[in-house]
PDB file of N, CA and C in Angstrom:
ATOM      1  N   MET A   1      97.007  76.352 100.025  1.00  0.00           N
ATOM      2  CA  MET A   1      96.328  77.550  99.600  1.00  0.00           C
ATOM      3  C   MET A   1      95.655  78.201 100.795  1.00  0.00           C
ATOM      4  N   GLY A   2      95.387  79.480 100.680  1.00  0.00           N
ATOM      5  CA  GLY A   2      94.699  80.209 101.743  1.00  0.00           C
ATOM      6  C   GLY A   2      93.225  79.857 101.763  1.00  0.00           C
ATOM      7  N   ALA A   3      92.552  80.310 102.785  1.00  0.00           N
ATOM      8  CA  ALA A   3      91.114  80.043 102.889  1.00  0.00           C
ATOM      9  C   ALA A   3      90.367  81.352 103.050  1.00  0.00           C
ATOM     10  N   ALA A   4      89.171  81.370 102.598  1.00  0.00           N
ATOM     11  CA  ALA A   4      88.312  82.537 102.768  1.00  0.00           C
ATOM     12  C   ALA A   4      87.078  82.091 103.524  1.00  0.00           C
ATOM     13  N   ALA A   5      86.606  82.929 104.414  1.00  0.00           N
ATOM     14  CA  ALA A   5      85.408  82.579 105.173  1.00  0.00           C
ATOM     15  C   ALA A   5      84.496  83.784 105.260  1.00  0.00           C
ATOM     16  N   LEU A   6      83.215  83.548 105.071  1.00  0.00           N
ATOM     17  CA  LEU A   6      82.214  84.600 105.206  1.00  0.00           C
ATOM     18  C   LEU A   6      81.285  84.154 106.306  1.00  0.00           C
ATOM     19  N   VAL A   7      81.378  84.832 107.429  1.00  0.00           N
ATOM     20  CA  VAL A   7      80.550  84.484 108.573  1.00  0.00           C
ATOM     21  C   VAL A   7      79.954  85.776 109.100  1.00  0.00           C
ATOM     22  N   GLY A   8      78.651  85.835 109.150  1.00  0.00           N
ATOM     23  CA  GLY A   8      78.010  87.058 109.628  1.00  0.00           C
ATOM     24  C   GLY A   8      78.414  88.223 108.758  1.00  0.00           C
ATOM     25  N   ALA A   9      78.939  89.267 109.394  1.00  0.00           N
ATOM     26  CA  ALA A   9      79.296  90.475 108.665  1.00  0.00           C
ATOM     27  C   ALA A   9      80.779  90.527 108.349  1.00  0.00           C
ATOM     28  N   SER A  10      81.507  89.413 108.507  1.00  0.00           N
ATOM     29  CA  SER A  10      82.943  89.423 108.297  1.00  0.00           C
ATOM     30  C   SER A  10      83.319  88.683 107.031  1.00  0.00           C
ATOM     31  N   PHE A  11      84.317  89.187 106.344  1.00  0.00           N
ATOM     32  CA  PHE A  11      84.888  88.481 105.209  1.00  0.00           C
ATOM     33  C   PHE A  11      86.386  88.532 105.374  1.00  0.00           C
ATOM     34  N   VAL A  12      86.990  87.377 105.553  1.00  0.00           N
ATOM     35  CA  VAL A  12      88.425  87.281 105.743  1.00  0.00           C
ATOM     36  C   VAL A  12      88.962  86.428 104.613  1.00  0.00           C
ATOM     37  N   ALA A  13      89.953  86.927 103.904  1.00  0.00           N
ATOM     38  CA  ALA A  13      90.461  86.164 102.772  1.00  0.00           C
ATOM     39  C   ALA A  13      91.962  86.288 102.663  1.00  0.00           C
ATOM     40  N   ALA A  14      92.584  85.182 102.370  1.00  0.00           N
ATOM     41  CA  ALA A  14      93.988  85.215 101.997  1.00  0.00           C
ATOM     42  C   ALA A  14      94.021  85.672 100.547  1.00  0.00           C
ATOM     43  N   ALA A  15      95.116  86.235 100.107  1.00  0.00           N
ATOM     44  CA  ALA A  15      95.210  86.687  98.727  1.00  0.00           C
ATOM     45  C   ALA A  15      95.063  85.494  97.804  1.00  0.00           C
ATOM     46  N   PRO A  16      93.979  85.434  97.016  1.00  0.00           N
ATOM     47  CA  PRO A  16      93.770  84.273  96.167  1.00  0.00           C
ATOM     48  C   PRO A  16      94.715  84.275  94.977  1.00  0.00           C
ATOM     49  N   ALA A  17      95.060  83.090  94.526  1.00  0.00           N
ATOM     50  CA  ALA A  17      95.880  82.959  93.329  1.00  0.00           C
ATOM     51  C   ALA A  17      95.044  83.372  92.131  1.00  0.00           C
ATOM     52  N   ALA A  18      95.677  83.671  91.032  1.00  0.00           N
ATOM     53  CA  ALA A  18      94.975  84.152  89.844  1.00  0.00           C
ATOM     54  C   ALA A  18      93.873  83.194  89.399  1.00  0.00           C
ATOM     55  N   ALA A  19      94.113  81.890  89.507  1.00  0.00           N
ATOM     56  CA  ALA A  19      93.130  80.915  89.039  1.00  0.00           C
ATOM     57  C   ALA A  19      92.422  80.236  90.218  1.00  0.00           C
ATOM     58  N   ALA A  20      92.280  80.933  91.323  1.00  0.00           N
ATOM     59  CA  ALA A  20      91.663  80.347  92.506  1.00  0.00           C
ATOM     60  C   ALA A  20      90.204  80.019  92.249  1.00  0.00           C
ATOM     61  N   SER A  21      89.744  78.961  92.890  1.00  0.00           N
ATOM     62  CA  SER A  21      88.327  78.627  92.831  1.00  0.00           C
ATOM     63  C   SER A  21      87.828  78.477  94.262  1.00  0.00           C
ATOM     64  N   CYS A  22      86.554  78.752  94.454  1.00  0.00           N
ATOM     65  CA  CYS A  22      85.971  78.703  95.783  1.00  0.00           C
ATOM     66  C   CYS A  22      84.677  77.898  95.754  1.00  0.00           C
ATOM     67  N   THR A  23      84.204  77.553  96.939  1.00  0.00           N
ATOM     68  CA  THR A  23      82.933  76.860  97.114  1.00  0.00           C
ATOM     69  C   THR A  23      82.093  77.646  98.096  1.00  0.00           C
ATOM     70  N   ALA A  24      80.814  77.804  97.774  1.00  0.00           N
ATOM     71  CA  ALA A  24      79.856  78.458  98.666  1.00  0.00           C
ATOM     72  C   ALA A  24      78.946  77.388  99.248  1.00  0.00           C
ATOM     73  N   LYS A  25      78.764  77.412 100.574  1.00  0.00           N
ATOM     74  CA  LYS A  25      77.849  76.483 101.243  1.00  0.00           C
ATOM     75  C   LYS A  25      76.749  77.302 101.897  1.00  0.00           C
ATOM     76  N   ALA A  26      75.495  76.941 101.613  1.00  0.00           N
ATOM     77  CA  ALA A  26      74.345  77.698 102.109  1.00  0.00           C
ATOM     78  C   ALA A  26      74.086  77.423 103.585  1.00  0.00           C
ATOM     79  N   LEU A  27      74.028  78.508 104.374  1.00  0.00           N
ATOM     80  CA  LEU A  27      73.672  78.410 105.793  1.00  0.00           C
ATOM     81  C   LEU A  27      72.155  78.329 105.945  1.00  0.00           C
ATOM     82  N   GLU A  28      71.446  78.880 104.986  1.00  0.00           N
ATOM     83  CA  GLU A  28      69.985  78.837 104.869  1.00  0.00           C
ATOM     84  C   GLU A  28      69.684  78.683 103.382  1.00  0.00           C
ATOM     85  N   THR A  29      68.481  78.296 103.035  1.00  0.00           N
ATOM     86  CA  THR A  29      68.102  78.203 101.631  1.00  0.00           C
ATOM     87  C   THR A  29      68.125  79.603 101.017  1.00  0.00           C
ATOM     88  N   VAL A  30      68.802  79.733  99.871  1.00  0.00           N
ATOM     89  CA  VAL A  30      68.925  81.025  99.184  1.00  0.00           C
ATOM     90  C   VAL A  30      68.528  80.872  97.720  1.00  0.00           C
ATOM     91  N   VAL A  31      68.075  81.968  97.151  1.00  0.00           N
ATOM     92  CA  VAL A  31      67.688  82.005  95.741  1.00  0.00           C
ATOM     93  C   VAL A  31      68.889  82.456  94.917  1.00  0.00           C
ATOM     94  N   ILE A  32      69.152  81.747  93.833  1.00  0.00           N
ATOM     95  CA  ILE A  32      70.185  82.170  92.881  1.00  0.00           C
ATOM     96  C   ILE A  32      69.489  83.121  91.912  1.00  0.00           C
ATOM     97  N   ARG A  33      69.977  84.360  91.857  1.00  0.00           N
ATOM     98  CA  ARG A  33      69.326  85.413  91.062  1.00  0.00           C
ATOM     99  C   ARG A  33      70.185  85.840  89.881  1.00  0.00           C
ATOM    100  N   SER A  34      69.532  86.459  88.909  1.00  0.00           N
ATOM    101  CA  SER A  34      70.214  86.895  87.682  1.00  0.00           C
ATOM    102  C   SER A  34      71.109  88.104  87.901  1.00  0.00           C
ATOM    103  N   THR A  35      70.828  88.909  88.928  1.00  0.00           N
ATOM    104  CA  THR A  35      71.605  90.114  89.217  1.00  0.00           C
ATOM    105  C   THR A  35      71.837  90.224  90.722  1.00  0.00           C
ATOM    106  N   THR A  36      72.652  91.183  91.121  1.00  0.00           N
ATOM    107  CA  THR A  36      72.918  91.433  92.540  1.00  0.00           C
ATOM    108  C   THR A  36      71.823  92.302  93.136  1.00  0.00           C
ATOM    109  N   SER A  37      70.609  91.767  93.092  1.00  0.00           N
ATOM    110  CA  SER A  37      69.450  92.476  93.607  1.00  0.00           C
ATOM    111  C   SER A  37      68.388  91.455  94.009  1.00  0.00           C
ATOM    112  N   THR A  38      67.683  91.723  95.097  1.00  0.00           N
ATOM    113  CA  THR A  38      66.591  90.836  95.490  1.00  0.00           C
ATOM    114  C   THR A  38      65.461  90.887  94.473  1.00  0.00           C
ATOM    115  N   GLY A  39      65.486  91.872  93.585  1.00  0.00           N
ATOM    116  CA  GLY A  39      64.513  91.963  92.504  1.00  0.00           C
ATOM    117  C   GLY A  39      64.955  91.245  91.238  1.00  0.00           C
ATOM    118  N   GLY A  40      66.179  90.702  91.250  1.00  0.00           N
ATOM    119  CA  GLY A  40      66.674  89.965  90.088  1.00  0.00           C
ATOM    120  C   GLY A  40      65.862  88.699  89.867  1.00  0.00           C
ATOM    121  N   THR A  41      65.784  88.257  88.636  1.00  0.00           N
ATOM    122  CA  THR A  41      65.030  87.055  88.293  1.00  0.00           C
ATOM    123  C   THR A  41      65.573  85.847  89.052  1.00  0.00           C
ATOM    124  N   ALA A  42      64.683  85.081  89.665  1.00  0.00           N
ATOM    125  CA  ALA A  42      65.072  83.852  90.362  1.00  0.00           C
ATOM    126  C   ALA A  42      65.376  82.782  89.314  1.00  0.00           C
ATOM    127  N   LEU A  43      66.602  82.249  89.357  1.00  0.00           N
ATOM    128  CA  LEU A  43      67.035  81.252  88.380  1.00  0.00           C
ATOM    129  C   LEU A  43      66.995  79.839  88.942  1.00  0.00           C
ATOM    130  N   ALA A  44      67.284  79.716  90.231  1.00  0.00           N
ATOM    131  CA  ALA A  44      67.361  78.408  90.892  1.00  0.00           C
ATOM    132  C   ALA A  44      67.429  78.659  92.392  1.00  0.00           C
ATOM    133  N   GLN A  45      67.651  77.590  93.131  1.00  0.00           N
ATOM    134  CA  GLN A  45      67.710  77.682  94.587  1.00  0.00           C
ATOM    135  C   GLN A  45      68.879  76.847  95.081  1.00  0.00           C
ATOM    136  N   LEU A  46      69.539  77.317  96.121  1.00  0.00           N
ATOM    137  CA  LEU A  46      70.595  76.573  96.798  1.00  0.00           C
ATOM    138  C   LEU A  46      70.063  76.298  98.198  1.00  0.00           C
ATOM    139  N   ASN A  47      69.756  75.033  98.468  1.00  0.00           N
ATOM    140  CA  ASN A  47      69.146  74.677  99.747  1.00  0.00           C
ATOM    141  C   ASN A  47      70.158  74.667 100.885  1.00  0.00           C
ATOM    142  N   LYS A  48      69.669  74.863 102.095  1.00  0.00           N
ATOM    143  CA  LYS A  48      70.506  74.853 103.289  1.00  0.00           C
ATOM    144  C   LYS A  48      71.380  73.604 103.289  1.00  0.00           C
ATOM    145  N   GLY A  49      72.685  73.810 103.490  1.00  0.00           N
ATOM    146  CA  GLY A  49      73.638  72.709 103.531  1.00  0.00           C
ATOM    147  C   GLY A  49      74.219  72.314 102.194  1.00  0.00           C
ATOM    148  N   GLU A  50      73.623  72.764 101.089  1.00  0.00           N
ATOM    149  CA  GLU A  50      74.139  72.446  99.763  1.00  0.00           C
ATOM    150  C   GLU A  50      75.287  73.388  99.407  1.00  0.00           C
ATOM    151  N   SER A  51      76.134  72.924  98.486  1.00  0.00           N
ATOM    152  CA  SER A  51      77.277  73.713  98.035  1.00  0.00           C
ATOM    153  C   SER A  51      77.207  73.953  96.541  1.00  0.00           C
ATOM    154  N   ALA A  52      77.879  75.013  96.118  1.00  0.00           N
ATOM    155  CA  ALA A  52      77.984  75.350  94.699  1.00  0.00           C
ATOM    156  C   ALA A  52      79.363  75.940  94.458  1.00  0.00           C
ATOM    157  N   SER A  53      79.875  75.805  93.235  1.00  0.00           N
ATOM    158  CA  SER A  53      81.128  76.474  92.922  1.00  0.00           C
ATOM    159  C   SER A  53      80.868  77.976  92.941  1.00  0.00           C
ATOM    160  N   ALA A  54      81.874  78.739  93.344  1.00  0.00           N
ATOM    161  CA  ALA A  54      81.685  80.179  93.531  1.00  0.00           C
ATOM    162  C   ALA A  54      82.934  80.931  93.104  1.00  0.00           C
ATOM    163  N   SER A  55      82.714  82.190  92.764  1.00  0.00           N
ATOM    164  CA  SER A  55      83.859  83.066  92.531  1.00  0.00           C
ATOM    165  C   SER A  55      84.435  83.394  93.907  1.00  0.00           C
ATOM    166  N   CYS A  56      85.668  83.748  93.956  1.00  0.00           N
ATOM    167  CA  CYS A  56      86.307  84.095  95.223  1.00  0.00           C
ATOM    168  C   CYS A  56      86.218  85.600  95.480  1.00  0.00           C
ATOM    169  N   THR A  57      85.378  86.277  94.733  1.00  0.00           N
ATOM    170  CA  THR A  57      85.213  87.726  94.813  1.00  0.00           C
ATOM    171  C   THR A  57      83.833  88.067  95.335  1.00  0.00           C
ATOM    172  N   MET A  58      83.754  89.069  96.189  1.00  0.00           N
ATOM    173  CA  MET A  58      82.456  89.580  96.644  1.00  0.00           C
ATOM    174  C   MET A  58      81.961  90.598  95.620  1.00  0.00           C
ATOM    175  N   TYR A  59      80.673  90.597  95.395  1.00  0.00           N
ATOM    176  CA  TYR A  59      80.026  91.584  94.535  1.00  0.00           C
ATOM    177  C   TYR A  59      79.098  92.409  95.420  1.00  0.00           C
ATOM    178  N   TYR A  60      78.891  93.667  95.074  1.00  0.00           N
ATOM    179  CA  TYR A  60      78.044  94.549  95.877  1.00  0.00           C
ATOM    180  C   TYR A  60      76.923  95.108  95.030  1.00  0.00           C
ATOM    181  N   GLY A  61      75.685  94.909  95.481  1.00  0.00           N
ATOM    182  CA  GLY A  61      74.519  95.444  94.799  1.00  0.00           C
ATOM    183  C   GLY A  61      74.298  96.892  95.189  1.00  0.00           C
ATOM    184  N   ALA A  62      73.437  97.563  94.469  1.00  0.00           N
ATOM    185  CA  ALA A  62      73.142  98.967  94.746  1.00  0.00           C
ATOM    186  C   ALA A  62      72.279  99.127  95.995  1.00  0.00           C
ATOM    187  N   ASP A  63      71.427  98.133  96.261  1.00  0.00           N
ATOM    188  CA  ASP A  63      70.492  98.228  97.379  1.00  0.00           C
ATOM    189  C   ASP A  63      70.849  97.248  98.482  1.00  0.00           C
ATOM    190  N   SER A  64      70.543  97.641  99.716  1.00  0.00           N
ATOM    191  CA  SER A  64      70.747  96.756 100.866  1.00  0.00           C
ATOM    192  C   SER A  64      69.611  95.752 100.962  1.00  0.00           C
ATOM    193  N   TYR A  65      69.896  94.612 101.566  1.00  0.00           N
ATOM    194  CA  TYR A  65      68.887  93.610 101.866  1.00  0.00           C
ATOM    195  C   TYR A  65      69.110  93.143 103.296  1.00  0.00           C
ATOM    196  N   GLU A  66      68.124  92.501 103.884  1.00  0.00           N
ATOM    197  CA  GLU A  66      68.307  91.880 105.201  1.00  0.00           C
ATOM    198  C   GLU A  66      67.983  90.404 105.067  1.00  0.00           C
ATOM    199  N   LYS A  67      69.011  89.576 105.171  1.00  0.00           N
ATOM    200  CA  LYS A  67      68.873  88.128 105.075  1.00  0.00           C
ATOM    201  C   LYS A  67      69.766  87.482 106.126  1.00  0.00           C
ATOM    202  N   CYS A  68      69.285  86.413 106.695  1.00  0.00           N
ATOM    203  CA  CYS A  68      70.018  85.679 107.732  1.00  0.00           C
ATOM    204  C   CYS A  68      70.377  86.596 108.901  1.00  0.00           C
ATOM    205  N   GLY A  69      69.502  87.565 109.172  1.00  0.00           N
ATOM    206  CA  GLY A  69      69.662  88.450 110.317  1.00  0.00           C
ATOM    207  C   GLY A  69      70.680  89.564 110.144  1.00  0.00           C
ATOM    208  N   ILE A  70      71.144  89.787 108.920  1.00  0.00           N
ATOM    209  CA  ILE A  70      72.186  90.791 108.676  1.00  0.00           C
ATOM    210  C   ILE A  70      71.768  91.686 107.514  1.00  0.00           C
ATOM    211  N   VAL A  71      71.980  92.987 107.646  1.00  0.00           N
ATOM    212  CA  VAL A  71      71.744  93.926 106.556  1.00  0.00           C
ATOM    213  C   VAL A  71      73.054  94.073 105.776  1.00  0.00           C
ATOM    214  N   SER A  72      72.990  93.926 104.465  1.00  0.00           N
ATOM    215  CA  SER A  72      74.201  93.964 103.649  1.00  0.00           C
ATOM    216  C   SER A  72      73.866  94.311 102.205  1.00  0.00           C
ATOM    217  N   LYS A  73      74.908  94.494 101.412  1.00  0.00           N
ATOM    218  CA  LYS A  73      74.808  94.660  99.961  1.00  0.00           C
ATOM    219  C   LYS A  73      75.656  93.604  99.250  1.00  0.00           C
ATOM    220  N   ARG A  74      76.235  92.659 100.016  1.00  0.00           N
ATOM    221  CA  ARG A  74      77.176  91.676  99.475  1.00  0.00           C
ATOM    222  C   ARG A  74      76.471  90.519  98.784  1.00  0.00           C
ATOM    223  N   TRP A  75      77.034  90.102  97.669  1.00  0.00           N
ATOM    224  CA  TRP A  75      76.535  88.976  96.887  1.00  0.00           C
ATOM    225  C   TRP A  75      77.702  88.093  96.490  1.00  0.00           C
ATOM    226  N   VAL A  76      77.422  86.823  96.245  1.00  0.00           N
ATOM    227  CA  VAL A  76      78.431  85.856  95.805  1.00  0.00           C
ATOM    228  C   VAL A  76      77.940  85.250  94.490  1.00  0.00           C
ATOM    229  N   LYS A  77      78.813  85.209  93.488  1.00  0.00           N
ATOM    230  CA  LYS A  77      78.478  84.598  92.206  1.00  0.00           C
ATOM    231  C   LYS A  77      78.712  83.095  92.310  1.00  0.00           C
ATOM    232  N   VAL A  78      77.677  82.310  92.015  1.00  0.00           N
ATOM    233  CA  VAL A  78      77.758  80.858  92.142  1.00  0.00           C
ATOM    234  C   VAL A  78      77.303  80.175  90.864  1.00  0.00           C
ATOM    235  N   THR A  79      77.727  78.920  90.707  1.00  0.00           N
ATOM    236  CA  THR A  79      77.246  78.073  89.614  1.00  0.00           C
ATOM    237  C   THR A  79      76.850  76.737  90.213  1.00  0.00           C
ATOM    238  N   ARG A  80      75.596  76.335  89.939  1.00  0.00           N
ATOM    239  CA  ARG A  80      75.082  75.050  90.427  1.00  0.00           C
ATOM    240  C   ARG A  80      74.224  74.439  89.331  1.00  0.00           C
ATOM    241  N   SER A  81      74.530  73.196  88.985  1.00  0.00           N
ATOM    242  CA  SER A  81      73.772  72.458  87.953  1.00  0.00           C
ATOM    243  C   SER A  81      73.636  73.266  86.662  1.00  0.00           C
ATOM    244  N   GLY A  82      74.717  73.925  86.252  1.00  0.00           N
ATOM    245  CA  GLY A  82      74.736  74.675  85.008  1.00  0.00           C
ATOM    246  C   GLY A  82      74.107  76.058  85.074  1.00  0.00           C
ATOM    247  N   VAL A  83      73.594  76.455  86.237  1.00  0.00           N
ATOM    248  CA  VAL A  83      72.982  77.775  86.402  1.00  0.00           C
ATOM    249  C   VAL A  83      73.966  78.688  87.123  1.00  0.00           C
ATOM    250  N   THR A  84      74.264  79.843  86.541  1.00  0.00           N
ATOM    251  CA  THR A  84      75.158  80.817  87.159  1.00  0.00           C
ATOM    252  C   THR A  84      74.363  82.061  87.513  1.00  0.00           C
ATOM    253  N   GLY A  85      74.541  82.522  88.741  1.00  0.00           N
ATOM    254  CA  GLY A  85      73.866  83.722  89.206  1.00  0.00           C
ATOM    255  C   GLY A  85      74.435  84.151  90.546  1.00  0.00           C
ATOM    256  N   TYR A  86      73.680  84.934  91.286  1.00  0.00           N
ATOM    257  CA  TYR A  86      74.167  85.538  92.523  1.00  0.00           C
ATOM    258  C   TYR A  86      73.280  85.147  93.701  1.00  0.00           C
ATOM    259  N   VAL A  87      73.916  84.881  94.846  1.00  0.00           N
ATOM    260  CA  VAL A  87      73.199  84.617  96.094  1.00  0.00           C
ATOM    261  C   VAL A  87      73.626  85.653  97.126  1.00  0.00           C
ATOM    262  N   VAL A  88      72.726  85.911  98.087  1.00  0.00           N
ATOM    263  CA  VAL A  88      73.061  86.871  99.140  1.00  0.00           C
ATOM    264  C   VAL A  88      74.284  86.366  99.900  1.00  0.00           C
ATOM    265  N   GLY A  89      75.219  87.260 100.147  1.00  0.00           N
ATOM    266  CA  GLY A  89      76.476  86.880 100.761  1.00  0.00           C
ATOM    267  C   GLY A  89      76.401  86.601 102.247  1.00  0.00           C
ATOM    268  N   THR A  90      75.324  87.017 102.899  1.00  0.00           N
ATOM    269  CA  THR A  90      75.218  86.833 104.345  1.00  0.00           C
ATOM    270  C   THR A  90      74.743  85.434 104.727  1.00  0.00           C
ATOM    271  N   CYS A  91      74.274  84.656 103.767  1.00  0.00           N
ATOM    272  CA  CYS A  91      73.698  83.336 104.071  1.00  0.00           C
ATOM    273  C   CYS A  91      74.542  82.186 103.519  1.00  0.00           C
ATOM    274  N   VAL A  92      75.787  82.463 103.164  1.00  0.00           N
ATOM    275  CA  VAL A  92      76.687  81.410 102.683  1.00  0.00           C
ATOM    276  C   VAL A  92      78.060  81.563 103.336  1.00  0.00           C
ATOM    277  N   THR A  93      78.748  80.441 103.447  1.00  0.00           N
ATOM    278  CA  THR A  93      80.157  80.475 103.828  1.00  0.00           C
ATOM    279  C   THR A  93      80.962  80.177 102.560  1.00  0.00           C
ATOM    280  N   ILE A  94      82.096  80.818 102.434  1.00  0.00           N
ATOM    281  CA  ILE A  94      82.955  80.651 101.278  1.00  0.00           C
ATOM    282  C   ILE A  94      84.267  80.021 101.710  1.00  0.00           C
ATOM    283  N   THR A  95      84.674  78.963 101.012  1.00  0.00           N
ATOM    284  CA  THR A  95      85.992  78.377 101.250  1.00  0.00           C
ATOM    285  C   THR A  95      86.737  78.325  99.929  1.00  0.00           C
ATOM    286  N   GLN A  96      88.032  78.568 100.011  1.00  0.00           N
ATOM    287  CA  GLN A  96      88.856  78.507  98.815  1.00  0.00           C
ATOM    288  C   GLN A  96      89.287  77.068  98.623  1.00  0.00           C
ATOM    289  N   ASP A  97      89.120  76.561  97.400  1.00  0.00           N
ATOM    290  CA  ASP A  97      89.480  75.168  97.087  1.00  0.00           C
ATOM    291  C   ASP A  97      90.976  74.998  96.932  1.00  0.00           C
TER     292      ASP A  97
END
């Protein structure tokens, strides 16, 4: 299968299969939020070095944020310990399983 990587401001992805699954690994501790906004309700936390199952799709919020030294609108949908929400896309790496 192809691999996807999110590093800094780059997102490179092979065309994922219809039922592709991905994993997000936190480069820094990030908050899992209810929406693609830094104002979204905090649901849980993904600590630096921890992984969570993730969608292989990038989501874009309406507002920009600055996290991990990068300004972006990108978010990643993750599920960890039964909690599903969104983390800032600049502070995680994504790999296709």
